[in-house]
PDB file of all heavy atoms in Angstrom:
ATOM      1  N   GLU A   1     129.684 183.725  79.842  1.00  0.00           N
ATOM      2  CA  GLU A   1     128.959 183.779  81.115  1.00  0.00           C
ATOM      3  C   GLU A   1     129.810 184.422  82.203  1.00  0.00           C
ATOM      4  O   GLU A   1     129.341 185.291  82.951  1.00  0.00           O
ATOM      5  CB  GLU A   1     128.524 182.370  81.549  1.00  0.00           C
ATOM      6  CG  GLU A   1     127.514 181.711  80.625  1.00  0.00           C
ATOM      7  CD  GLU A   1     128.115 181.172  79.314  1.00  0.00           C
ATOM      8  OE1 GLU A   1     129.337 180.930  79.255  1.00  0.00           O
ATOM      9  OE2 GLU A   1     127.347 181.033  78.343  1.00  0.00           O
ATOM     10  N   VAL A   2     131.064 183.992  82.319  1.00  0.00           N
ATOM     11  CA  VAL A   2     131.956 184.539  83.347  1.00  0.00           C
ATOM     12  C   VAL A   2     132.225 186.020  83.076  1.00  0.00           C
ATOM     13  O   VAL A   2     132.136 186.858  83.987  1.00  0.00           O
ATOM     14  CB  VAL A   2     133.280 183.737  83.417  1.00  0.00           C
ATOM     15  CG1 VAL A   2     134.321 184.461  84.261  1.00  0.00           C
ATOM     16  CG2 VAL A   2     133.017 182.349  83.978  1.00  0.00           C
ATOM     17  N   LEU A   3     132.537 186.364  81.838  1.00  0.00           N
ATOM     18  CA  LEU A   3     132.819 187.766  81.509  1.00  0.00           C
ATOM     19  C   LEU A   3     131.589 188.645  81.698  1.00  0.00           C
ATOM     20  O   LEU A   3     131.709 189.782  82.169  1.00  0.00           O
ATOM     21  CB  LEU A   3     133.374 187.878  80.091  1.00  0.00           C
ATOM     22  CG  LEU A   3     134.771 187.278  79.895  1.00  0.00           C
ATOM     23  CD1 LEU A   3     135.137 187.240  78.418  1.00  0.00           C
ATOM     24  CD2 LEU A   3     135.818 188.021  80.703  1.00  0.00           C
ATOM     25  N   SER A   4     130.412 188.138  81.382  1.00  0.00           N
ATOM     26  CA  SER A   4     129.175 188.904  81.601  1.00  0.00           C
ATOM     27  C   SER A   4     128.984 189.192  83.085  1.00  0.00           C
ATOM     28  O   SER A   4     128.645 190.322  83.478  1.00  0.00           O
ATOM     29  CB  SER A   4     127.955 188.146  81.066  1.00  0.00           C
ATOM     30  OG  SER A   4     128.003 188.056  79.664  1.00  0.00           O
ATOM     31  N   ALA A   5     129.197 188.190  83.920  1.00  0.00           N
ATOM     32  CA  ALA A   5     129.062 188.376  85.371  1.00  0.00           C
ATOM     33  C   ALA A   5     130.071 189.406  85.872  1.00  0.00           C
ATOM     34  O   ALA A   5     129.749 190.241  86.729  1.00  0.00           O
ATOM     35  CB  ALA A   5     129.237 187.045  86.092  1.00  0.00           C
ATOM     36  N   GLU A   6     131.283 189.364  85.344  1.00  0.00           N
ATOM     37  CA  GLU A   6     132.298 190.344  85.746  1.00  0.00           C
ATOM     38  C   GLU A   6     131.901 191.750  85.311  1.00  0.00           C
ATOM     39  O   GLU A   6     132.059 192.712  86.066  1.00  0.00           O
ATOM     40  CB  GLU A   6     133.662 189.965  85.165  1.00  0.00           C
ATOM     41  CG  GLU A   6     134.252 188.716  85.782  1.00  0.00           C
ATOM     42  CD  GLU A   6     135.581 188.293  85.163  1.00  0.00           C
ATOM     43  OE1 GLU A   6     136.018 188.903  84.161  1.00  0.00           O
ATOM     44  OE2 GLU A   6     136.189 187.349  85.685  1.00  0.00           O
ATOM     45  N   LEU A   7     131.373 191.883  84.098  1.00  0.00           N
ATOM     46  CA  LEU A   7     130.921 193.191  83.613  1.00  0.00           C
ATOM     47  C   LEU A   7     129.754 193.728  84.446  1.00  0.00           C
ATOM     48  O   LEU A   7     129.616 194.943  84.615  1.00  0.00           O
ATOM     49  CB  LEU A   7     130.503 193.107  82.139  1.00  0.00           C
ATOM     50  CG  LEU A   7     131.631 193.128  81.119  1.00  0.00           C
ATOM     51  CD1 LEU A   7     131.137 192.621  79.769  1.00  0.00           C
ATOM     52  CD2 LEU A   7     132.206 194.529  80.983  1.00  0.00           C
ATOM     53  N   GLU A   8     128.924 192.837  84.951  1.00  0.00           N
ATOM     54  CA  GLU A   8     127.760 193.248  85.745  1.00  0.00           C
ATOM     55  C   GLU A   8     128.107 193.568  87.194  1.00  0.00           C
ATOM     56  O   GLU A   8     127.308 194.169  87.902  1.00  0.00           O
ATOM     57  CB  GLU A   8     126.685 192.161  85.706  1.00  0.00           C
ATOM     58  CG  GLU A   8     126.021 192.043  84.349  1.00  0.00           C
ATOM     59  CD  GLU A   8     125.024 190.904  84.255  1.00  0.00           C
ATOM     60  OE1 GLU A   8     125.279 189.826  84.826  1.00  0.00           O
ATOM     61  OE2 GLU A   8     123.981 191.121  83.621  1.00  0.00           O
ATOM     62  N   ASN A   9     129.289 193.188  87.651  1.00  0.00           N
ATOM     63  CA  ASN A   9     129.698 193.429  89.033  1.00  0.00           C
ATOM     64  C   ASN A   9     130.024 194.918  89.206  1.00  0.00           C
ATOM     65  O   ASN A   9     130.916 195.448  88.538  1.00  0.00           O
ATOM     66  CB  ASN A   9     130.910 192.567  89.380  1.00  0.00           C
ATOM     67  CG  ASN A   9     131.302 192.658  90.831  1.00  0.00           C
ATOM     68  OD1 ASN A   9     131.121 193.677  91.493  1.00  0.00           O
ATOM     69  ND2 ASN A   9     131.861 191.571  91.340  1.00  0.00           N
ATOM     70  N   SER A  10     129.322 195.575  90.095  1.00  0.00           N
ATOM     71  CA  SER A  10     129.514 197.023  90.275  1.00  0.00           C
ATOM     72  C   SER A  10     130.881 197.367  90.872  1.00  0.00           C
ATOM     73  O   SER A  10     131.285 198.531  90.839  1.00  0.00           O
ATOM     74  CB  SER A  10     128.400 197.602  91.153  1.00  0.00           C
ATOM     75  OG  SER A  10     128.424 196.999  92.428  1.00  0.00           O
ATOM     76  N   ASN A  11     131.608 196.370  91.385  1.00  0.00           N
ATOM     77  CA  ASN A  11     132.939 196.612  91.937  1.00  0.00           C
ATOM     78  C   ASN A  11     134.059 196.229  90.967  1.00  0.00           C
ATOM     79  O   ASN A  11     135.221 196.136  91.370  1.00  0.00           O
ATOM     80  CB  ASN A  11     133.116 195.875  93.267  1.00  0.00           C
ATOM     81  CG  ASN A  11     132.386 196.575  94.398  1.00  0.00           C
ATOM     82  OD1 ASN A  11     132.282 197.789  94.412  1.00  0.00           O
ATOM     83  ND2 ASN A  11     131.866 195.805  95.322  1.00  0.00           N
ATOM     84  N   SER A  12     133.709 195.984  89.711  1.00  0.00           N
ATOM     85  CA  SER A  12     134.693 195.720  88.661  1.00  0.00           C
ATOM     86  C   SER A  12     134.414 196.660  87.488  1.00  0.00           C
ATOM     87  O   SER A  12     133.262 196.967  87.205  1.00  0.00           O
ATOM     88  CB  SER A  12     134.599 194.271  88.155  1.00  0.00           C
ATOM     89  OG  SER A  12     134.991 193.366  89.143  1.00  0.00           O
ATOM     90  N   GLU A  13     135.470 197.089  86.837  1.00  0.00           N
ATOM     91  CA  GLU A  13     135.328 197.936  85.651  1.00  0.00           C
ATOM     92  C   GLU A  13     136.315 197.478  84.584  1.00  0.00           C
ATOM     93  O   GLU A  13     137.455 197.131  84.888  1.00  0.00           O
ATOM     94  CB  GLU A  13     135.597 199.410  85.995  1.00  0.00           C
ATOM     95  CG  GLU A  13     134.602 199.983  86.975  1.00  0.00           C
ATOM     96  CD  GLU A  13     134.904 201.425  87.391  1.00  0.00           C
ATOM     97  OE1 GLU A  13     135.885 202.026  86.869  1.00  0.00           O
ATOM     98  OE2 GLU A  13     134.168 201.944  88.238  1.00  0.00           O
ATOM     99  N   PHE A  14     135.847 197.457  83.351  1.00  0.00           N
ATOM    100  CA  PHE A  14     136.677 197.132  82.189  1.00  0.00           C
ATOM    101  C   PHE A  14     136.794 198.375  81.308  1.00  0.00           C
ATOM    102  O   PHE A  14     135.813 199.110  81.129  1.00  0.00           O
ATOM    103  CB  PHE A  14     136.025 196.031  81.341  1.00  0.00           C
ATOM    104  CG  PHE A  14     136.081 194.660  81.931  1.00  0.00           C
ATOM    105  CD1 PHE A  14     135.098 194.219  82.812  1.00  0.00           C
ATOM    106  CD2 PHE A  14     137.096 193.783  81.585  1.00  0.00           C
ATOM    107  CE1 PHE A  14     135.126 192.944  83.342  1.00  0.00           C
ATOM    108  CE2 PHE A  14     137.135 192.494  82.109  1.00  0.00           C
ATOM    109  CZ  PHE A  14     136.146 192.082  82.992  1.00  0.00           C
ATOM    110  N   TYR A  15     137.967 198.554  80.722  1.00  0.00           N
ATOM    111  CA  TYR A  15     138.205 199.658  79.796  1.00  0.00           C
ATOM    112  C   TYR A  15     138.909 199.113  78.559  1.00  0.00           C
ATOM    113  O   TYR A  15     139.847 198.325  78.665  1.00  0.00           O
ATOM    114  CB  TYR A  15     139.073 200.739  80.448  1.00  0.00           C
ATOM    115  CG  TYR A  15     138.354 201.425  81.581  1.00  0.00           C
ATOM    116  CD1 TYR A  15     138.379 200.882  82.863  1.00  0.00           C
ATOM    117  CD2 TYR A  15     137.610 202.580  81.358  1.00  0.00           C
ATOM    118  CE1 TYR A  15     137.689 201.483  83.901  1.00  0.00           C
ATOM    119  CE2 TYR A  15     136.911 203.180  82.397  1.00  0.00           C
ATOM    120  CZ  TYR A  15     136.957 202.626  83.661  1.00  0.00           C
ATOM    121  OH  TYR A  15     136.257 203.217  84.687  1.00  0.00           O
ATOM    122  N   PHE A  16     138.449 199.556  77.393  1.00  0.00           N
ATOM    123  CA  PHE A  16     139.069 199.190  76.125  1.00  0.00           C
ATOM    124  C   PHE A  16     140.011 200.313  75.677  1.00  0.00           C
ATOM    125  O   PHE A  16     139.664 201.495  75.776  1.00  0.00           O
ATOM    126  CB  PHE A  16     138.029 199.007  75.025  1.00  0.00           C
ATOM    127  CG  PHE A  16     137.198 197.761  75.121  1.00  0.00           C
ATOM    128  CD1 PHE A  16     135.861 197.784  74.734  1.00  0.00           C
ATOM    129  CD2 PHE A  16     137.733 196.557  75.561  1.00  0.00           C
ATOM    130  CE1 PHE A  16     135.087 196.638  74.801  1.00  0.00           C
ATOM    131  CE2 PHE A  16     136.959 195.412  75.625  1.00  0.00           C
ATOM    132  CZ  PHE A  16     135.626 195.453  75.237  1.00  0.00           C
ATOM    133  N   ALA A  17     141.159 199.923  75.156  1.00  0.00           N
ATOM    134  CA  ALA A  17     142.033 200.843  74.427  1.00  0.00           C
ATOM    135  C   ALA A  17     141.726 200.621  72.955  1.00  0.00           C
ATOM    136  O   ALA A  17     141.720 199.479  72.484  1.00  0.00           O
ATOM    137  CB  ALA A  17     143.496 200.550  74.719  1.00  0.00           C
ATOM    138  N   GLU A  18     141.427 201.696  72.251  1.00  0.00           N
ATOM    139  CA  GLU A  18     141.075 201.603  70.832  1.00  0.00           C
ATOM    140  C   GLU A  18     141.962 202.510  69.997  1.00  0.00           C
ATOM    141  O   GLU A  18     142.355 203.586  70.442  1.00  0.00           O
ATOM    142  CB  GLU A  18     139.628 202.039  70.609  1.00  0.00           C
ATOM    143  CG  GLU A  18     138.585 201.186  71.267  1.00  0.00           C
ATOM    144  CD  GLU A  18     137.184 201.713  71.073  1.00  0.00           C
ATOM    145  OE1 GLU A  18     136.968 202.941  71.192  1.00  0.00           O
ATOM    146  OE2 GLU A  18     136.298 200.900  70.797  1.00  0.00           O
ATOM    147  N   GLN A  19     142.234 202.025  68.807  1.00  0.00           N
ATOM    148  CA  GLN A  19     142.916 202.842  67.812  1.00  0.00           C
ATOM    149  C   GLN A  19     142.214 202.598  66.497  1.00  0.00           C
ATOM    150  O   GLN A  19     142.029 201.438  66.096  1.00  0.00           O
ATOM    151  CB  GLN A  19     144.390 202.470  67.725  1.00  0.00           C
ATOM    152  CG  GLN A  19     145.162 203.376  66.800  1.00  0.00           C
ATOM    153  CD  GLN A  19     146.647 203.137  66.923  1.00  0.00           C
ATOM    154  OE1 GLN A  19     147.198 203.108  68.008  1.00  0.00           O
ATOM    155  NE2 GLN A  19     147.290 202.976  65.771  1.00  0.00           N
ATOM    156  N   ASP A  20     141.811 203.663  65.824  1.00  0.00           N
ATOM    157  CA  ASP A  20     141.080 203.559  64.556  1.00  0.00           C
ATOM    158  C   ASP A  20     139.878 202.622  64.687  1.00  0.00           C
ATOM    159  O   ASP A  20     139.641 201.757  63.836  1.00  0.00           O
ATOM    160  CB  ASP A  20     142.011 203.092  63.428  1.00  0.00           C
ATOM    161  CG  ASP A  20     143.174 204.043  63.210  1.00  0.00           C
ATOM    162  OD1 ASP A  20     142.971 205.266  63.348  1.00  0.00           O
ATOM    163  OD2 ASP A  20     144.287 203.560  62.935  1.00  0.00           O
ATOM    164  N   ASN A  21     139.124 202.773  65.780  1.00  0.00           N
ATOM    165  CA  ASN A  21     137.918 201.980  66.067  1.00  0.00           C
ATOM    166  C   ASN A  21     138.176 200.490  66.217  1.00  0.00           C
ATOM    167  O   ASN A  21     137.279 199.679  66.101  1.00  0.00           O
ATOM    168  CB  ASN A  21     136.831 202.221  65.021  1.00  0.00           C
ATOM    169  CG  ASN A  21     136.337 203.644  65.051  1.00  0.00           C
ATOM    170  OD1 ASN A  21     136.106 204.206  66.125  1.00  0.00           O
ATOM    171  ND2 ASN A  21     136.188 204.249  63.886  1.00  0.00           N
ATOM    172  N   LYS A  22     139.424 200.109  66.490  1.00  0.00           N
ATOM    173  CA  LYS A  22     139.771 198.710  66.730  1.00  0.00           C
ATOM    174  C   LYS A  22     140.237 198.578  68.177  1.00  0.00           C
ATOM    175  O   LYS A  22     141.054 199.375  68.649  1.00  0.00           O
ATOM    176  CB  LYS A  22     140.892 198.275  65.780  1.00  0.00           C
ATOM    177  CG  LYS A  22     141.431 196.874  66.048  1.00  0.00           C
ATOM    178  CD  LYS A  22     142.613 196.569  65.130  1.00  0.00           C
ATOM    179  CE  LYS A  22     143.393 195.361  65.545  1.00  0.00           C
ATOM    180  NZ  LYS A  22     142.815 194.096  65.347  1.00  0.00           N
ATOM    181  N   ILE A  23     139.714 197.577  68.876  1.00  0.00           N
ATOM    182  CA  ILE A  23     140.135 197.321  70.250  1.00  0.00           C
ATOM    183  C   ILE A  23     141.522 196.689  70.210  1.00  0.00           C
ATOM    184  O   ILE A  23     141.715 195.643  69.592  1.00  0.00           O
ATOM    185  CB  ILE A  23     139.130 196.409  70.979  1.00  0.00           C
ATOM    186  CG1 ILE A  23     137.759 197.078  71.041  1.00  0.00           C
ATOM    187  CG2 ILE A  23     139.630 196.061  72.377  1.00  0.00           C
ATOM    188  CD1 ILE A  23     136.634 196.159  71.481  1.00  0.00           C
ATOM    189  N   ILE A  24     142.482 197.340  70.871  1.00  0.00           N
ATOM    190  CA  ILE A  24     143.866 196.870  70.827  1.00  0.00           C
ATOM    191  C   ILE A  24     144.381 196.433  72.201  1.00  0.00           C
ATOM    192  O   ILE A  24     145.489 195.916  72.315  1.00  0.00           O
ATOM    193  CB  ILE A  24     144.800 197.934  70.216  1.00  0.00           C
ATOM    194  CG1 ILE A  24     144.777 199.228  71.034  1.00  0.00           C
ATOM    195  CG2 ILE A  24     144.422 198.190  68.753  1.00  0.00           C
ATOM    196  CD1 ILE A  24     145.810 200.260  70.598  1.00  0.00           C
ATOM    197  N   GLY A  25     143.580 196.641  73.224  1.00  0.00           N
ATOM    198  CA  GLY A  25     143.973 196.234  74.561  1.00  0.00           C
ATOM    199  C   GLY A  25     142.849 196.510  75.536  1.00  0.00           C
ATOM    200  O   GLY A  25     141.846 197.125  75.176  1.00  0.00           O
ATOM    201  N   TYR A  26     143.028 196.028  76.778  1.00  0.00           N
ATOM    202  CA  TYR A  26     142.007 196.309  77.786  1.00  0.00           C
ATOM    203  C   TYR A  26     142.582 196.252  79.190  1.00  0.00           C
ATOM    204  O   TYR A  26     143.662 195.709  79.431  1.00  0.00           O
ATOM    205  CB  TYR A  26     140.814 195.378  77.628  1.00  0.00           C
ATOM    206  CG  TYR A  26     140.973 193.982  78.178  1.00  0.00           C
ATOM    207  CD1 TYR A  26     140.402 193.624  79.395  1.00  0.00           C
ATOM    208  CD2 TYR A  26     141.683 193.005  77.481  1.00  0.00           C
ATOM    209  CE1 TYR A  26     140.533 192.336  79.899  1.00  0.00           C
ATOM    210  CE2 TYR A  26     141.815 191.728  77.973  1.00  0.00           C
ATOM    211  CZ  TYR A  26     141.230 191.395  79.187  1.00  0.00           C
ATOM    212  OH  TYR A  26     141.368 190.127  79.689  1.00  0.00           O
ATOM    213  N   LEU A  27     141.818 196.851  80.088  1.00  0.00           N
ATOM    214  CA  LEU A  27     142.147 196.951  81.500  1.00  0.00           C
ATOM    215  C   LEU A  27     140.956 196.453  82.299  1.00  0.00           C
ATOM    216  O   LEU A  27     139.808 196.737  81.944  1.00  0.00           O
ATOM    217  CB  LEU A  27     142.402 198.428  81.842  1.00  0.00           C
ATOM    218  CG  LEU A  27     142.350 198.865  83.303  1.00  0.00           C
ATOM    219  CD1 LEU A  27     143.554 198.329  84.071  1.00  0.00           C
ATOM    220  CD2 LEU A  27     142.294 200.391  83.397  1.00  0.00           C
ATOM    221  N   LYS A  28     141.220 195.713  83.382  1.00  0.00           N
ATOM    222  CA  LYS A  28     140.180 195.357  84.341  1.00  0.00           C
ATOM    223  C   LYS A  28     140.674 195.737  85.726  1.00  0.00           C
ATOM    224  O   LYS A  28     141.779 195.356  86.125  1.00  0.00           O
ATOM    225  CB  LYS A  28     139.851 193.863  84.324  1.00  0.00           C
ATOM    226  CG  LYS A  28     138.745 193.525  85.329  1.00  0.00           C
ATOM    227  CD  LYS A  28     138.480 192.047  85.450  1.00  0.00           C
ATOM    228  CE  LYS A  28     137.333 191.834  86.444  1.00  0.00           C
ATOM    229  NZ  LYS A  28     137.310 190.478  86.966  1.00  0.00           N
ATOM    230  N   VAL A  29     139.855 196.512  86.454  1.00  0.00           N
ATOM    231  CA  VAL A  29     140.172 196.874  87.836  1.00  0.00           C
ATOM    232  C   VAL A  29     139.046 196.390  88.744  1.00  0.00           C
ATOM    233  O   VAL A  29     137.887 196.284  88.325  1.00  0.00           O
ATOM    234  CB  VAL A  29     140.382 198.398  88.005  1.00  0.00           C
ATOM    235  CG1 VAL A  29     141.618 198.868  87.249  1.00  0.00           C
ATOM    236  CG2 VAL A  29     139.157 199.191  87.588  1.00  0.00           C
ATOM    237  N   ASN A  30     139.410 196.088  89.988  1.00  0.00           N
ATOM    238  CA  ASN A  30     138.451 195.611  90.995  1.00  0.00           C
ATOM    239  C   ASN A  30     138.642 196.391  92.291  1.00  0.00           C
ATOM    240  O   ASN A  30     139.765 196.731  92.655  1.00  0.00           O
ATOM    241  CB  ASN A  30     138.696 194.129  91.320  1.00  0.00           C
ATOM    242  CG  ASN A  30     138.545 193.238  90.120  1.00  0.00           C
ATOM    243  OD1 ASN A  30     137.601 193.346  89.356  1.00  0.00           O
ATOM    244  ND2 ASN A  30     139.490 192.331  89.934  1.00  0.00           N
ATOM    245  N   PHE A  31     137.533 196.596  92.984  1.00  0.00           N
ATOM    246  CA  PHE A  31     137.592 197.183  94.323  1.00  0.00           C
ATOM    247  C   PHE A  31     136.676 196.371  95.228  1.00  0.00           C
ATOM    248  O   PHE A  31     135.892 195.541  94.756  1.00  0.00           O
ATOM    249  CB  PHE A  31     137.163 198.652  94.366  1.00  0.00           C
ATOM    250  CG  PHE A  31     136.797 199.245  93.045  1.00  0.00           C
ATOM    251  CD1 PHE A  31     135.495 199.236  92.580  1.00  0.00           C
ATOM    252  CD2 PHE A  31     137.774 199.812  92.248  1.00  0.00           C
ATOM    253  CE1 PHE A  31     135.165 199.775  91.350  1.00  0.00           C
ATOM    254  CE2 PHE A  31     137.436 200.354  91.018  1.00  0.00           C
ATOM    255  CZ  PHE A  31     136.140 200.335  90.570  1.00  0.00           C
ATOM    256  N   GLY A  32     136.769 196.637  96.515  1.00  0.00           N
ATOM    257  CA  GLY A  32     135.892 195.973  97.482  1.00  0.00           C
ATOM    258  C   GLY A  32     135.954 194.464  97.362  1.00  0.00           C
ATOM    259  O   GLY A  32     137.016 193.875  97.191  1.00  0.00           O
TER     260      GLY A  32
END
C-alpha cells in the first residue's frame, strides 16, 4: 500500500537497475 502510493505520487520517481533481466538495485527521487 505504501509503495503503491509512492509510485502514484507524481513528485516521486523510482528507477530499477537491471542486469540480465534481474532487478539488482533501485533509486527513488523526490521533488516538491
